[in-house]
Amino acid sequence: MNIISAQNLKKYYGKDLALDDVSLHVKAGSVFALLGPNGAGKTTFVKSLLGLVRLKSGELLLNGKNVNDFTSRSGVAYLPEKFSFDTNYSVRGCVSFFGQMNGLSSSELEQRIDRALDLVGITDIASKKLDAISKGQLQRTGIATLLVSENSLLILDEPFSGLDPIGMIELKKLLAKLSSDESMTIFINSHILSEMDQICDSFAILNKGKIAAFGSKEELLQGSSLEQFFEKTIMGLA
Protein backbone atom coordinates (compact mmCIF):
# COMPACT_ATOMS: atom_id res chain seq x y z
CA MET A 1 0.00 0.00 0.00
CA ASN A 2 1.27 3.47 -0.92
CA ILE A 3 0.78 6.21 1.65
CA ILE A 4 2.03 8.84 -0.84
CA SER A 5 1.44 8.61 -4.57
CA ALA A 6 2.51 11.34 -7.03
CA GLN A 7 1.80 11.20 -10.74
CA ASN A 8 3.08 13.71 -13.32
CA LEU A 9 3.22 16.68 -10.97
CA LYS A 10 3.89 20.12 -12.38
CA LYS A 11 4.30 23.31 -10.35
CA TYR A 12 5.27 26.76 -11.60
CA TYR A 13 6.42 29.83 -9.70
CA GLY A 14 5.73 32.45 -12.31
CA LYS A 15 7.51 31.15 -15.40
CA ASP A 16 9.89 28.95 -13.40
CA LEU A 17 9.07 25.24 -13.36
CA ALA A 18 9.68 23.94 -9.83
CA LEU A 19 8.29 20.41 -10.36
CA ASP A 20 8.55 18.96 -13.84
CA ASP A 21 6.47 15.82 -14.42
CA VAL A 22 7.37 14.34 -11.01
CA SER A 23 6.13 10.81 -10.30
CA LEU A 24 6.98 8.71 -7.24
CA HIS A 25 5.35 6.72 -4.47
CA VAL A 26 6.11 5.96 -0.84
CA LYS A 27 5.12 2.62 0.63
CA ALA A 28 3.47 2.51 4.03
CA GLY A 29 5.91 1.41 6.73
CA SER A 30 9.03 2.54 4.83
CA VAL A 31 11.71 5.10 5.54
CA PHE A 32 11.82 7.27 2.43
CA ALA A 33 14.35 10.01 1.65
CA LEU A 34 13.73 12.82 -0.82
CA LEU A 35 17.20 13.96 -1.88
CA GLY A 36 18.57 16.68 -4.10
CA PRO A 37 20.69 19.84 -4.23
CA ASN A 38 19.35 23.20 -3.11
CA GLY A 39 16.66 24.45 -5.45
CA ALA A 40 15.86 20.96 -6.73
CA GLY A 41 12.16 21.14 -5.80
CA LYS A 42 12.21 19.15 -2.55
CA THR A 43 10.56 21.84 -0.44
CA THR A 44 7.92 22.46 -3.10
CA PHE A 45 7.03 18.77 -3.07
CA VAL A 46 6.69 18.77 0.73
CA LYS A 47 4.60 21.95 0.67
CA SER A 48 2.35 20.28 -1.89
CA LEU A 49 1.85 17.33 0.46
CA LEU A 50 0.94 19.71 3.27
CA GLY A 51 -1.54 21.63 1.13
CA LEU A 52 0.53 24.82 1.29
CA VAL A 53 0.98 25.20 -2.48
CA ARG A 54 -1.31 24.32 -5.38
CA LEU A 55 -0.07 22.20 -8.23
CA LYS A 56 -0.52 23.22 -11.84
CA SER A 57 -1.30 19.66 -12.92
CA GLY A 58 -0.89 16.02 -11.97
CA GLU A 59 -2.29 13.93 -9.14
CA LEU A 60 -0.94 13.82 -5.60
CA LEU A 61 -2.54 11.39 -3.16
CA LEU A 62 -1.96 11.17 0.57
CA ASN A 63 -3.56 8.31 2.47
CA GLY A 64 -5.36 7.44 -0.77
CA LYS A 65 -7.03 10.87 -1.00
CA ASN A 66 -6.26 13.91 -3.12
CA VAL A 67 -4.19 16.41 -1.11
CA ASN A 68 -6.80 19.08 -1.88
CA ASP A 69 -9.01 17.17 0.56
CA PHE A 70 -7.82 18.30 4.01
CA THR A 71 -8.88 14.95 5.51
CA SER A 72 -6.01 13.35 3.55
CA ARG A 73 -3.66 14.74 6.21
CA SER A 74 -5.32 12.87 9.05
CA GLY A 75 -2.57 10.97 10.87
CA VAL A 76 0.15 13.04 9.19
CA ALA A 77 2.65 15.02 11.29
CA TYR A 78 5.27 17.49 10.06
CA LEU A 79 8.49 18.71 11.70
CA PRO A 80 10.12 21.75 10.04
CA GLU A 81 13.88 22.13 9.69
CA LYS A 82 14.05 24.59 12.57
CA PHE A 83 11.63 23.47 15.26
CA SER A 84 10.90 26.37 17.58
CA PHE A 85 8.42 27.06 20.35
CA ASP A 86 7.91 29.51 23.21
CA THR A 87 11.10 29.06 25.24
CA ASN A 88 9.21 29.71 28.49
CA TYR A 89 7.74 26.22 28.09
CA SER A 90 9.42 23.17 29.53
CA VAL A 91 10.06 20.15 27.33
CA ARG A 92 7.06 18.40 28.90
CA GLY A 93 4.89 21.49 28.62
CA CYS A 94 5.70 21.81 24.91
CA VAL A 95 4.77 18.19 24.20
CA SER A 96 1.63 18.58 26.33
CA PHE A 97 0.57 21.63 24.29
CA PHE A 98 0.69 19.67 21.04
CA GLY A 99 -1.20 16.78 22.62
CA GLN A 100 -3.95 19.12 23.73
CA MET A 101 -4.09 20.76 20.29
CA ASN A 102 -4.66 17.29 18.85
CA GLY A 103 -7.67 16.80 21.11
CA LEU A 104 -6.24 14.33 23.60
CA SER A 105 -8.34 14.07 26.74
CA SER A 106 -6.74 14.81 30.10
CA SER A 107 -7.14 11.16 31.08
CA GLU A 108 -4.90 9.95 28.25
CA LEU A 109 -2.66 12.99 27.79
CA GLU A 110 -0.21 12.33 30.63
CA GLN A 111 0.30 8.70 29.63
CA ARG A 112 0.87 9.70 26.00
CA ILE A 113 3.39 12.38 27.04
CA ASP A 114 5.32 9.89 29.16
CA ARG A 115 5.43 7.44 26.26
CA ALA A 116 6.57 10.07 23.73
CA LEU A 117 9.32 11.39 26.01
CA ASP A 118 10.52 7.86 26.71
CA LEU A 119 10.55 6.92 23.02
CA VAL A 120 12.80 9.83 22.10
CA GLY A 121 14.95 9.46 25.22
CA ILE A 122 14.39 12.85 26.89
CA THR A 123 12.50 11.89 30.04
CA ASP A 124 15.44 13.11 32.11
CA ILE A 125 15.16 16.67 30.75
CA ALA A 126 11.34 16.89 30.78
CA SER A 127 11.33 19.74 33.31
CA LYS A 128 13.97 21.84 31.56
CA LYS A 129 13.01 24.99 29.67
CA LEU A 130 13.46 24.87 25.90
CA ASP A 131 16.14 27.54 25.98
CA ALA A 132 18.25 25.37 28.31
CA ILE A 133 18.58 22.32 26.08
CA SER A 134 20.84 21.46 23.14
CA LYS A 135 19.91 21.55 19.46
CA GLY A 136 19.78 17.74 19.39
CA GLN A 137 17.50 17.66 22.43
CA LEU A 138 15.28 20.29 20.80
CA GLN A 139 14.99 18.09 17.70
CA ARG A 140 14.00 15.17 19.92
CA THR A 141 11.41 17.38 21.61
CA GLY A 142 10.02 18.26 18.19
CA ILE A 143 9.72 14.58 17.29
CA ALA A 144 8.04 13.92 20.65
CA THR A 145 5.37 16.48 19.72
CA LEU A 146 4.62 14.32 16.66
CA LEU A 147 4.55 11.08 18.63
CA VAL A 148 2.27 12.25 21.44
CA SER A 149 -0.64 11.76 19.03
CA GLU A 150 -1.19 8.67 16.91
CA ASN A 151 0.29 9.52 13.52
CA SER A 152 1.05 7.04 10.77
CA LEU A 153 3.23 9.37 8.65
CA LEU A 154 6.05 11.57 9.94
CA ILE A 155 7.39 14.18 7.51
CA LEU A 156 10.78 15.49 8.66
CA ASP A 157 12.35 18.46 6.89
CA GLU A 158 16.18 18.41 7.13
CA PRO A 159 16.14 16.82 10.62
CA PHE A 160 19.97 16.65 10.81
CA SER A 161 20.52 20.32 9.99
CA GLY A 162 22.73 22.05 12.54
CA LEU A 163 23.32 18.99 14.71
CA ASP A 164 26.75 18.19 16.08
CA PRO A 165 28.15 14.64 15.59
CA ILE A 166 26.70 13.39 18.87
CA GLY A 167 23.30 14.84 18.02
CA MET A 168 23.41 13.13 14.61
CA ILE A 169 24.27 9.77 16.16
CA GLU A 170 21.44 10.08 18.70
CA LEU A 171 18.92 11.11 16.05
CA LYS A 172 19.93 8.22 13.76
CA LYS A 173 19.38 5.77 16.60
CA LEU A 174 15.99 7.33 17.33
CA LEU A 175 14.85 7.13 13.70
CA ALA A 176 16.06 3.52 13.50
CA LYS A 177 13.95 2.73 16.58
CA LEU A 178 10.88 4.48 15.14
CA SER A 179 11.31 2.73 11.78
CA SER A 180 11.01 -0.65 13.50
CA ASP A 181 7.32 0.14 13.98
CA GLU A 182 5.83 -1.13 10.71
CA SER A 183 2.68 0.94 11.21
CA MET A 184 4.71 4.14 10.85
CA THR A 185 6.10 5.71 7.68
CA ILE A 186 8.94 8.21 7.84
CA PHE A 187 9.45 10.68 4.98
CA ILE A 188 12.68 12.68 5.20
CA ASN A 189 13.56 15.67 3.05
CA SER A 190 17.35 15.99 3.22
CA HIS A 191 20.64 16.69 1.47
CA ILE A 192 22.86 14.96 4.07
CA LEU A 193 23.65 11.80 2.14
CA SER A 194 25.79 9.91 4.64
CA GLU A 195 23.01 9.89 7.23
CA MET A 196 20.30 8.95 4.74
CA ASP A 197 22.45 6.08 3.47
CA GLN A 198 22.22 4.49 6.92
CA ILE A 199 18.53 5.18 7.52
CA CYS A 200 16.39 5.03 4.39
CA ASP A 201 15.23 1.91 2.56
CA SER A 202 14.03 3.80 -0.52
CA PHE A 203 14.64 7.23 -2.00
CA ALA A 204 14.16 9.63 -4.87
CA ILE A 205 16.61 12.19 -6.21
CA LEU A 206 15.23 15.47 -7.51
CA ASN A 207 17.34 17.71 -9.73
CA LYS A 208 16.07 20.90 -11.34
CA GLY A 209 12.50 19.79 -10.68
CA LYS A 210 12.90 16.40 -12.38
CA ILE A 211 13.15 12.91 -10.93
CA ALA A 212 16.71 11.74 -11.55
CA ALA A 213 16.34 8.42 -9.72
CA PHE A 214 13.66 6.63 -7.74
CA GLY A 215 13.39 3.19 -6.15
CA SER A 216 14.58 1.01 -3.30
CA LYS A 217 18.09 1.60 -1.97
CA GLU A 218 19.03 -2.01 -2.65
CA GLU A 219 18.06 -1.98 -6.32
CA LEU A 220 19.52 1.45 -7.07
CA LEU A 221 22.83 1.40 -5.21
CA GLN A 222 23.89 -2.19 -5.95
CA GLY A 223 26.84 -2.01 -3.58
CA SER A 224 27.86 1.61 -4.11
CA SER A 225 27.37 4.29 -1.46
CA LEU A 226 24.50 6.74 -1.66
CA GLU A 227 27.02 9.57 -2.01
CA GLN A 228 28.68 7.88 -4.99
CA PHE A 229 25.32 7.16 -6.62
CA PHE A 230 24.09 10.71 -6.00
CA GLU A 231 27.19 12.28 -7.51
CA LYS A 232 27.05 10.03 -10.57
CA THR A 233 23.33 10.68 -11.06
CA ILE A 234 23.50 14.46 -10.69
CA MET A 235 26.65 14.82 -12.79
CA GLY A 236 25.04 12.66 -15.44
CA LEU A 237 22.17 15.13 -15.72
CA ALA A 238 24.38 18.20 -15.79
C-alpha atoms as a PDB file:
ATOM      1  CA  MET A   1       0.000   0.000   0.000  1.00  0.00           C
ATOM      2  CA  ASN A   2       1.274   3.466  -0.916  1.00  0.00           C
ATOM      3  CA  ILE A   3       0.784   6.206   1.653  1.00  0.00           C
ATOM      4  CA  ILE A   4       2.027   8.840  -0.837  1.00  0.00           C
ATOM      5  CA  SER A   5       1.437   8.612  -4.568  1.00  0.00           C
ATOM      6  CA  ALA A   6       2.510  11.339  -7.031  1.00  0.00           C
ATOM      7  CA  GLN A   7       1.805  11.195 -10.735  1.00  0.00           C
ATOM      8  CA  ASN A   8       3.075  13.706 -13.320  1.00  0.00           C
ATOM      9  CA  LEU A   9       3.223  16.683 -10.966  1.00  0.00           C
ATOM     10  CA  LYS A  10       3.893  20.123 -12.378  1.00  0.00           C
ATOM     11  CA  LYS A  11       4.298  23.310 -10.348  1.00  0.00           C
ATOM     12  CA  TYR A  12       5.268  26.763 -11.595  1.00  0.00           C
ATOM     13  CA  TYR A  13       6.417  29.831  -9.700  1.00  0.00           C
ATOM     14  CA  GLY A  14       5.730  32.452 -12.306  1.00  0.00           C
ATOM     15  CA  LYS A  15       7.511  31.151 -15.401  1.00  0.00           C
ATOM     16  CA  ASP A  16       9.885  28.946 -13.404  1.00  0.00           C
ATOM     17  CA  LEU A  17       9.066  25.241 -13.365  1.00  0.00           C
ATOM     18  CA  ALA A  18       9.677  23.936  -9.828  1.00  0.00           C
ATOM     19  CA  LEU A  19       8.286  20.414 -10.363  1.00  0.00           C
ATOM     20  CA  ASP A  20       8.549  18.957 -13.840  1.00  0.00           C
ATOM     21  CA  ASP A  21       6.470  15.817 -14.416  1.00  0.00           C
ATOM     22  CA  VAL A  22       7.367  14.344 -11.006  1.00  0.00           C
ATOM     23  CA  SER A  23       6.125  10.811 -10.303  1.00  0.00           C
ATOM     24  CA  LEU A  24       6.984   8.709  -7.245  1.00  0.00           C
ATOM     25  CA  HIS A  25       5.345   6.715  -4.472  1.00  0.00           C
ATOM     26  CA  VAL A  26       6.110   5.964  -0.845  1.00  0.00           C
ATOM     27  CA  LYS A  27       5.121   2.618   0.627  1.00  0.00           C
ATOM     28  CA  ALA A  28       3.471   2.510   4.027  1.00  0.00           C
ATOM     29  CA  GLY A  29       5.910   1.412   6.727  1.00  0.00           C
ATOM     30  CA  SER A  30       9.027   2.535   4.826  1.00  0.00           C
ATOM     31  CA  VAL A  31      11.711   5.103   5.543  1.00  0.00           C
ATOM     32  CA  PHE A  32      11.822   7.270   2.426  1.00  0.00           C
ATOM     33  CA  ALA A  33      14.346  10.011   1.653  1.00  0.00           C
ATOM     34  CA  LEU A  34      13.730  12.820  -0.825  1.00  0.00           C
ATOM     35  CA  LEU A  35      17.197  13.964  -1.884  1.00  0.00           C
ATOM     36  CA  GLY A  36      18.569  16.685  -4.098  1.00  0.00           C
ATOM     37  CA  PRO A  37      20.687  19.841  -4.230  1.00  0.00           C
ATOM     38  CA  ASN A  38      19.349  23.200  -3.105  1.00  0.00           C
ATOM     39  CA  GLY A  39      16.658  24.453  -5.454  1.00  0.00           C
ATOM     40  CA  ALA A  40      15.863  20.959  -6.726  1.00  0.00           C
ATOM     41  CA  GLY A  41      12.157  21.140  -5.804  1.00  0.00           C
ATOM     42  CA  LYS A  42      12.205  19.147  -2.550  1.00  0.00           C
ATOM     43  CA  THR A  43      10.560  21.836  -0.436  1.00  0.00           C
ATOM     44  CA  THR A  44       7.922  22.460  -3.099  1.00  0.00           C
ATOM     45  CA  PHE A  45       7.034  18.769  -3.065  1.00  0.00           C
ATOM     46  CA  VAL A  46       6.691  18.765   0.730  1.00  0.00           C
ATOM     47  CA  LYS A  47       4.601  21.950   0.669  1.00  0.00           C
ATOM     48  CA  SER A  48       2.351  20.283  -1.892  1.00  0.00           C
ATOM     49  CA  LEU A  49       1.847  17.331   0.465  1.00  0.00           C
ATOM     50  CA  LEU A  50       0.937  19.705   3.272  1.00  0.00           C
ATOM     51  CA  GLY A  51      -1.538  21.629   1.133  1.00  0.00           C
ATOM     52  CA  LEU A  52       0.526  24.825   1.288  1.00  0.00           C
ATOM     53  CA  VAL A  53       0.976  25.201  -2.475  1.00  0.00           C
ATOM     54  CA  ARG A  54      -1.310  24.319  -5.377  1.00  0.00           C
ATOM     55  CA  LEU A  55      -0.065  22.199  -8.226  1.00  0.00           C
ATOM     56  CA  LYS A  56      -0.520  23.222 -11.841  1.00  0.00           C
ATOM     57  CA  SER A  57      -1.300  19.660 -12.921  1.00  0.00           C
ATOM     58  CA  GLY A  58      -0.888  16.017 -11.969  1.00  0.00           C
ATOM     59  CA  GLU A  59      -2.293  13.932  -9.143  1.00  0.00           C
ATOM     60  CA  LEU A  60      -0.939  13.825  -5.595  1.00  0.00           C
ATOM     61  CA  LEU A  61      -2.541  11.385  -3.162  1.00  0.00           C
ATOM     62  CA  LEU A  62      -1.955  11.167   0.568  1.00  0.00           C
ATOM     63  CA  ASN A  63      -3.557   8.308   2.469  1.00  0.00           C
ATOM     64  CA  GLY A  64      -5.363   7.444  -0.770  1.00  0.00           C
ATOM     65  CA  LYS A  65      -7.027  10.868  -1.001  1.00  0.00           C
ATOM     66  CA  ASN A  66      -6.261  13.909  -3.116  1.00  0.00           C
ATOM     67  CA  VAL A  67      -4.185  16.406  -1.112  1.00  0.00           C
ATOM     68  CA  ASN A  68      -6.798  19.077  -1.879  1.00  0.00           C
ATOM     69  CA  ASP A  69      -9.009  17.166   0.563  1.00  0.00           C
ATOM     70  CA  PHE A  70      -7.816  18.301   4.006  1.00  0.00           C
ATOM     71  CA  THR A  71      -8.876  14.954   5.513  1.00  0.00           C
ATOM     72  CA  SER A  72      -6.009  13.346   3.546  1.00  0.00           C
ATOM     73  CA  ARG A  73      -3.661  14.737   6.210  1.00  0.00           C
ATOM     74  CA  SER A  74      -5.320  12.868   9.055  1.00  0.00           C
ATOM     75  CA  GLY A  75      -2.573  10.966  10.868  1.00  0.00           C
ATOM     76  CA  VAL A  76       0.154  13.036   9.192  1.00  0.00           C
ATOM     77  CA  ALA A  77       2.648  15.024  11.288  1.00  0.00           C
ATOM     78  CA  TYR A  78       5.274  17.494  10.056  1.00  0.00           C
ATOM     79  CA  LEU A  79       8.488  18.709  11.697  1.00  0.00           C
ATOM     80  CA  PRO A  80      10.117  21.752  10.038  1.00  0.00           C
ATOM     81  CA  GLU A  81      13.877  22.128   9.688  1.00  0.00           C
ATOM     82  CA  LYS A  82      14.049  24.591  12.566  1.00  0.00           C
ATOM     83  CA  PHE A  83      11.628  23.471  15.260  1.00  0.00           C
ATOM     84  CA  SER A  84      10.903  26.372  17.584  1.00  0.00           C
ATOM     85  CA  PHE A  85       8.420  27.057  20.354  1.00  0.00           C
ATOM     86  CA  ASP A  86       7.912  29.505  23.209  1.00  0.00           C
ATOM     87  CA  THR A  87      11.098  29.064  25.241  1.00  0.00           C
ATOM     88  CA  ASN A  88       9.209  29.711  28.494  1.00  0.00           C
ATOM     89  CA  TYR A  89       7.743  26.225  28.093  1.00  0.00           C
ATOM     90  CA  SER A  90       9.416  23.171  29.526  1.00  0.00           C
ATOM     91  CA  VAL A  91      10.055  20.145  27.330  1.00  0.00           C
ATOM     92  CA  ARG A  92       7.064  18.396  28.899  1.00  0.00           C
ATOM     93  CA  GLY A  93       4.892  21.492  28.618  1.00  0.00           C
ATOM     94  CA  CYS A  94       5.699  21.808  24.907  1.00  0.00           C
ATOM     95  CA  VAL A  95       4.770  18.189  24.199  1.00  0.00           C
ATOM     96  CA  SER A  96       1.629  18.584  26.325  1.00  0.00           C
ATOM     97  CA  PHE A  97       0.570  21.626  24.290  1.00  0.00           C
ATOM     98  CA  PHE A  98       0.687  19.672  21.040  1.00  0.00           C
ATOM     99  CA  GLY A  99      -1.203  16.778  22.618  1.00  0.00           C
ATOM    100  CA  GLN A 100      -3.954  19.116  23.733  1.00  0.00           C
ATOM    101  CA  MET A 101      -4.086  20.760  20.294  1.00  0.00           C
ATOM    102  CA  ASN A 102      -4.662  17.288  18.845  1.00  0.00           C
ATOM    103  CA  GLY A 103      -7.668  16.799  21.110  1.00  0.00           C
ATOM    104  CA  LEU A 104      -6.242  14.332  23.598  1.00  0.00           C
ATOM    105  CA  SER A 105      -8.337  14.069  26.737  1.00  0.00           C
ATOM    106  CA  SER A 106      -6.745  14.811  30.102  1.00  0.00           C
ATOM    107  CA  SER A 107      -7.139  11.164  31.079  1.00  0.00           C
ATOM    108  CA  GLU A 108      -4.899   9.949  28.246  1.00  0.00           C
ATOM    109  CA  LEU A 109      -2.660  12.986  27.794  1.00  0.00           C
ATOM    110  CA  GLU A 110      -0.208  12.333  30.631  1.00  0.00           C
ATOM    111  CA  GLN A 111       0.303   8.701  29.628  1.00  0.00           C
ATOM    112  CA  ARG A 112       0.874   9.704  25.995  1.00  0.00           C
ATOM    113  CA  ILE A 113       3.389  12.382  27.041  1.00  0.00           C
ATOM    114  CA  ASP A 114       5.319   9.888  29.163  1.00  0.00           C
ATOM    115  CA  ARG A 115       5.428   7.437  26.260  1.00  0.00           C
ATOM    116  CA  ALA A 116       6.573  10.070  23.727  1.00  0.00           C
ATOM    117  CA  LEU A 117       9.320  11.389  26.012  1.00  0.00           C
ATOM    118  CA  ASP A 118      10.518   7.863  26.714  1.00  0.00           C
ATOM    119  CA  LEU A 119      10.545   6.920  23.019  1.00  0.00           C
ATOM    120  CA  VAL A 120      12.802   9.833  22.099  1.00  0.00           C
ATOM    121  CA  GLY A 121      14.948   9.465  25.216  1.00  0.00           C
ATOM    122  CA  ILE A 122      14.394  12.847  26.887  1.00  0.00           C
ATOM    123  CA  THR A 123      12.497  11.886  30.040  1.00  0.00           C
ATOM    124  CA  ASP A 124      15.441  13.107  32.113  1.00  0.00           C
ATOM    125  CA  ILE A 125      15.156  16.672  30.746  1.00  0.00           C
ATOM    126  CA  ALA A 126      11.343  16.894  30.778  1.00  0.00           C
ATOM    127  CA  SER A 127      11.326  19.740  33.306  1.00  0.00           C
ATOM    128  CA  LYS A 128      13.975  21.842  31.558  1.00  0.00           C
ATOM    129  CA  LYS A 129      13.015  24.993  29.666  1.00  0.00           C
ATOM    130  CA  LEU A 130      13.458  24.866  25.901  1.00  0.00           C
ATOM    131  CA  ASP A 131      16.143  27.541  25.984  1.00  0.00           C
ATOM    132  CA  ALA A 132      18.246  25.374  28.306  1.00  0.00           C
ATOM    133  CA  ILE A 133      18.581  22.322  26.077  1.00  0.00           C
ATOM    134  CA  SER A 134      20.837  21.455  23.138  1.00  0.00           C
ATOM    135  CA  LYS A 135      19.911  21.545  19.455  1.00  0.00           C
ATOM    136  CA  GLY A 136      19.782  17.743  19.391  1.00  0.00           C
ATOM    137  CA  GLN A 137      17.504  17.661  22.434  1.00  0.00           C
ATOM    138  CA  LEU A 138      15.283  20.286  20.803  1.00  0.00           C
ATOM    139  CA  GLN A 139      14.990  18.089  17.702  1.00  0.00           C
ATOM    140  CA  ARG A 140      14.001  15.169  19.922  1.00  0.00           C
ATOM    141  CA  THR A 141      11.415  17.380  21.611  1.00  0.00           C
ATOM    142  CA  GLY A 142      10.023  18.260  18.194  1.00  0.00           C
ATOM    143  CA  ILE A 143       9.724  14.585  17.288  1.00  0.00           C
ATOM    144  CA  ALA A 144       8.042  13.925  20.650  1.00  0.00           C
ATOM    145  CA  THR A 145       5.369  16.484  19.715  1.00  0.00           C
ATOM    146  CA  LEU A 146       4.624  14.320  16.656  1.00  0.00           C
ATOM    147  CA  LEU A 147       4.551  11.083  18.633  1.00  0.00           C
ATOM    148  CA  VAL A 148       2.274  12.252  21.442  1.00  0.00           C
ATOM    149  CA  SER A 149      -0.636  11.764  19.032  1.00  0.00           C
ATOM    150  CA  GLU A 150      -1.193   8.668  16.910  1.00  0.00           C
ATOM    151  CA  ASN A 151       0.285   9.524  13.521  1.00  0.00           C
ATOM    152  CA  SER A 152       1.054   7.040  10.766  1.00  0.00           C
ATOM    153  CA  LEU A 153       3.232   9.365   8.654  1.00  0.00           C
ATOM    154  CA  LEU A 154       6.046  11.575   9.945  1.00  0.00           C
ATOM    155  CA  ILE A 155       7.392  14.184   7.509  1.00  0.00           C
ATOM    156  CA  LEU A 156      10.777  15.488   8.662  1.00  0.00           C
ATOM    157  CA  ASP A 157      12.354  18.457   6.893  1.00  0.00           C
ATOM    158  CA  GLU A 158      16.178  18.408   7.132  1.00  0.00           C
ATOM    159  CA  PRO A 159      16.144  16.825  10.623  1.00  0.00           C
ATOM    160  CA  PHE A 160      19.968  16.648  10.811  1.00  0.00           C
ATOM    161  CA  SER A 161      20.517  20.319   9.986  1.00  0.00           C
ATOM    162  CA  GLY A 162      22.732  22.055  12.539  1.00  0.00           C
ATOM    163  CA  LEU A 163      23.324  18.989  14.714  1.00  0.00           C
ATOM    164  CA  ASP A 164      26.754  18.187  16.085  1.00  0.00           C
ATOM    165  CA  PRO A 165      28.155  14.640  15.586  1.00  0.00           C
ATOM    166  CA  ILE A 166      26.700  13.387  18.873  1.00  0.00           C
ATOM    167  CA  GLY A 167      23.297  14.844  18.016  1.00  0.00           C
ATOM    168  CA  MET A 168      23.410  13.133  14.609  1.00  0.00           C
ATOM    169  CA  ILE A 169      24.267   9.769  16.158  1.00  0.00           C
ATOM    170  CA  GLU A 170      21.444  10.078  18.695  1.00  0.00           C
ATOM    171  CA  LEU A 171      18.923  11.107  16.047  1.00  0.00           C
ATOM    172  CA  LYS A 172      19.933   8.223  13.762  1.00  0.00           C
ATOM    173  CA  LYS A 173      19.379   5.772  16.599  1.00  0.00           C
ATOM    174  CA  LEU A 174      15.994   7.326  17.330  1.00  0.00           C
ATOM    175  CA  LEU A 175      14.852   7.128  13.701  1.00  0.00           C
ATOM    176  CA  ALA A 176      16.057   3.522  13.503  1.00  0.00           C
ATOM    177  CA  LYS A 177      13.948   2.735  16.575  1.00  0.00           C
ATOM    178  CA  LEU A 178      10.885   4.479  15.139  1.00  0.00           C
ATOM    179  CA  SER A 179      11.305   2.727  11.779  1.00  0.00           C
ATOM    180  CA  SER A 180      11.009  -0.652  13.502  1.00  0.00           C
ATOM    181  CA  ASP A 181       7.322   0.144  13.985  1.00  0.00           C
ATOM    182  CA  GLU A 182       5.830  -1.128  10.711  1.00  0.00           C
ATOM    183  CA  SER A 183       2.681   0.939  11.215  1.00  0.00           C
ATOM    184  CA  MET A 184       4.708   4.145  10.852  1.00  0.00           C
ATOM    185  CA  THR A 185       6.102   5.712   7.676  1.00  0.00           C
ATOM    186  CA  ILE A 186       8.944   8.211   7.843  1.00  0.00           C
ATOM    187  CA  PHE A 187       9.446  10.681   4.984  1.00  0.00           C
ATOM    188  CA  ILE A 188      12.680  12.685   5.199  1.00  0.00           C
ATOM    189  CA  ASN A 189      13.564  15.666   3.051  1.00  0.00           C
ATOM    190  CA  SER A 190      17.352  15.994   3.221  1.00  0.00           C
ATOM    191  CA  HIS A 191      20.637  16.688   1.468  1.00  0.00           C
ATOM    192  CA  ILE A 192      22.859  14.958   4.065  1.00  0.00           C
ATOM    193  CA  LEU A 193      23.649  11.805   2.135  1.00  0.00           C
ATOM    194  CA  SER A 194      25.793   9.911   4.636  1.00  0.00           C
ATOM    195  CA  GLU A 195      23.015   9.895   7.229  1.00  0.00           C
ATOM    196  CA  MET A 196      20.300   8.953   4.736  1.00  0.00           C
ATOM    197  CA  ASP A 197      22.448   6.082   3.468  1.00  0.00           C
ATOM    198  CA  GLN A 198      22.216   4.494   6.920  1.00  0.00           C
ATOM    199  CA  ILE A 199      18.527   5.177   7.524  1.00  0.00           C
ATOM    200  CA  CYS A 200      16.386   5.033   4.390  1.00  0.00           C
ATOM    201  CA  ASP A 201      15.231   1.910   2.561  1.00  0.00           C
ATOM    202  CA  SER A 202      14.028   3.800  -0.524  1.00  0.00           C
ATOM    203  CA  PHE A 203      14.638   7.226  -1.998  1.00  0.00           C
ATOM    204  CA  ALA A 204      14.157   9.632  -4.871  1.00  0.00           C
ATOM    205  CA  ILE A 205      16.607  12.189  -6.206  1.00  0.00           C
ATOM    206  CA  LEU A 206      15.235  15.469  -7.513  1.00  0.00           C
ATOM    207  CA  ASN A 207      17.343  17.710  -9.726  1.00  0.00           C
ATOM    208  CA  LYS A 208      16.069  20.899 -11.342  1.00  0.00           C
ATOM    209  CA  GLY A 209      12.502  19.787 -10.678  1.00  0.00           C
ATOM    210  CA  LYS A 210      12.897  16.401 -12.382  1.00  0.00           C
ATOM    211  CA  ILE A 211      13.151  12.905 -10.932  1.00  0.00           C
ATOM    212  CA  ALA A 212      16.714  11.741 -11.551  1.00  0.00           C
ATOM    213  CA  ALA A 213      16.345   8.420  -9.718  1.00  0.00           C
ATOM    214  CA  PHE A 214      13.657   6.627  -7.735  1.00  0.00           C
ATOM    215  CA  GLY A 215      13.394   3.186  -6.150  1.00  0.00           C
ATOM    216  CA  SER A 216      14.583   1.009  -3.302  1.00  0.00           C
ATOM    217  CA  LYS A 217      18.085   1.598  -1.972  1.00  0.00           C
ATOM    218  CA  GLU A 218      19.026  -2.009  -2.655  1.00  0.00           C
ATOM    219  CA  GLU A 219      18.065  -1.983  -6.323  1.00  0.00           C
ATOM    220  CA  LEU A 220      19.523   1.449  -7.066  1.00  0.00           C
ATOM    221  CA  LEU A 221      22.835   1.397  -5.209  1.00  0.00           C
ATOM    222  CA  GLN A 222      23.894  -2.192  -5.954  1.00  0.00           C
ATOM    223  CA  GLY A 223      26.838  -2.008  -3.583  1.00  0.00           C
ATOM    224  CA  SER A 224      27.863   1.606  -4.108  1.00  0.00           C
ATOM    225  CA  SER A 225      27.372   4.286  -1.459  1.00  0.00           C
ATOM    226  CA  LEU A 226      24.501   6.738  -1.663  1.00  0.00           C
ATOM    227  CA  GLU A 227      27.020   9.566  -2.012  1.00  0.00           C
ATOM    228  CA  GLN A 228      28.676   7.880  -4.995  1.00  0.00           C
ATOM    229  CA  PHE A 229      25.319   7.162  -6.617  1.00  0.00           C
ATOM    230  CA  PHE A 230      24.086  10.707  -6.000  1.00  0.00           C
ATOM    231  CA  GLU A 231      27.193  12.282  -7.510  1.00  0.00           C
ATOM    232  CA  LYS A 232      27.053  10.035 -10.574  1.00  0.00           C
ATOM    233  CA  THR A 233      23.334  10.683 -11.064  1.00  0.00           C
ATOM    234  CA  ILE A 234      23.499  14.455 -10.686  1.00  0.00           C
ATOM    235  CA  MET A 235      26.651  14.824 -12.789  1.00  0.00           C
ATOM    236  CA  GLY A 236      25.041  12.662 -15.437  1.00  0.00           C
ATOM    237  CA  LEU A 237      22.173  15.126 -15.722  1.00  0.00           C
ATOM    238  CA  ALA A 238      24.378  18.205 -15.786  1.00  0.00           C
END
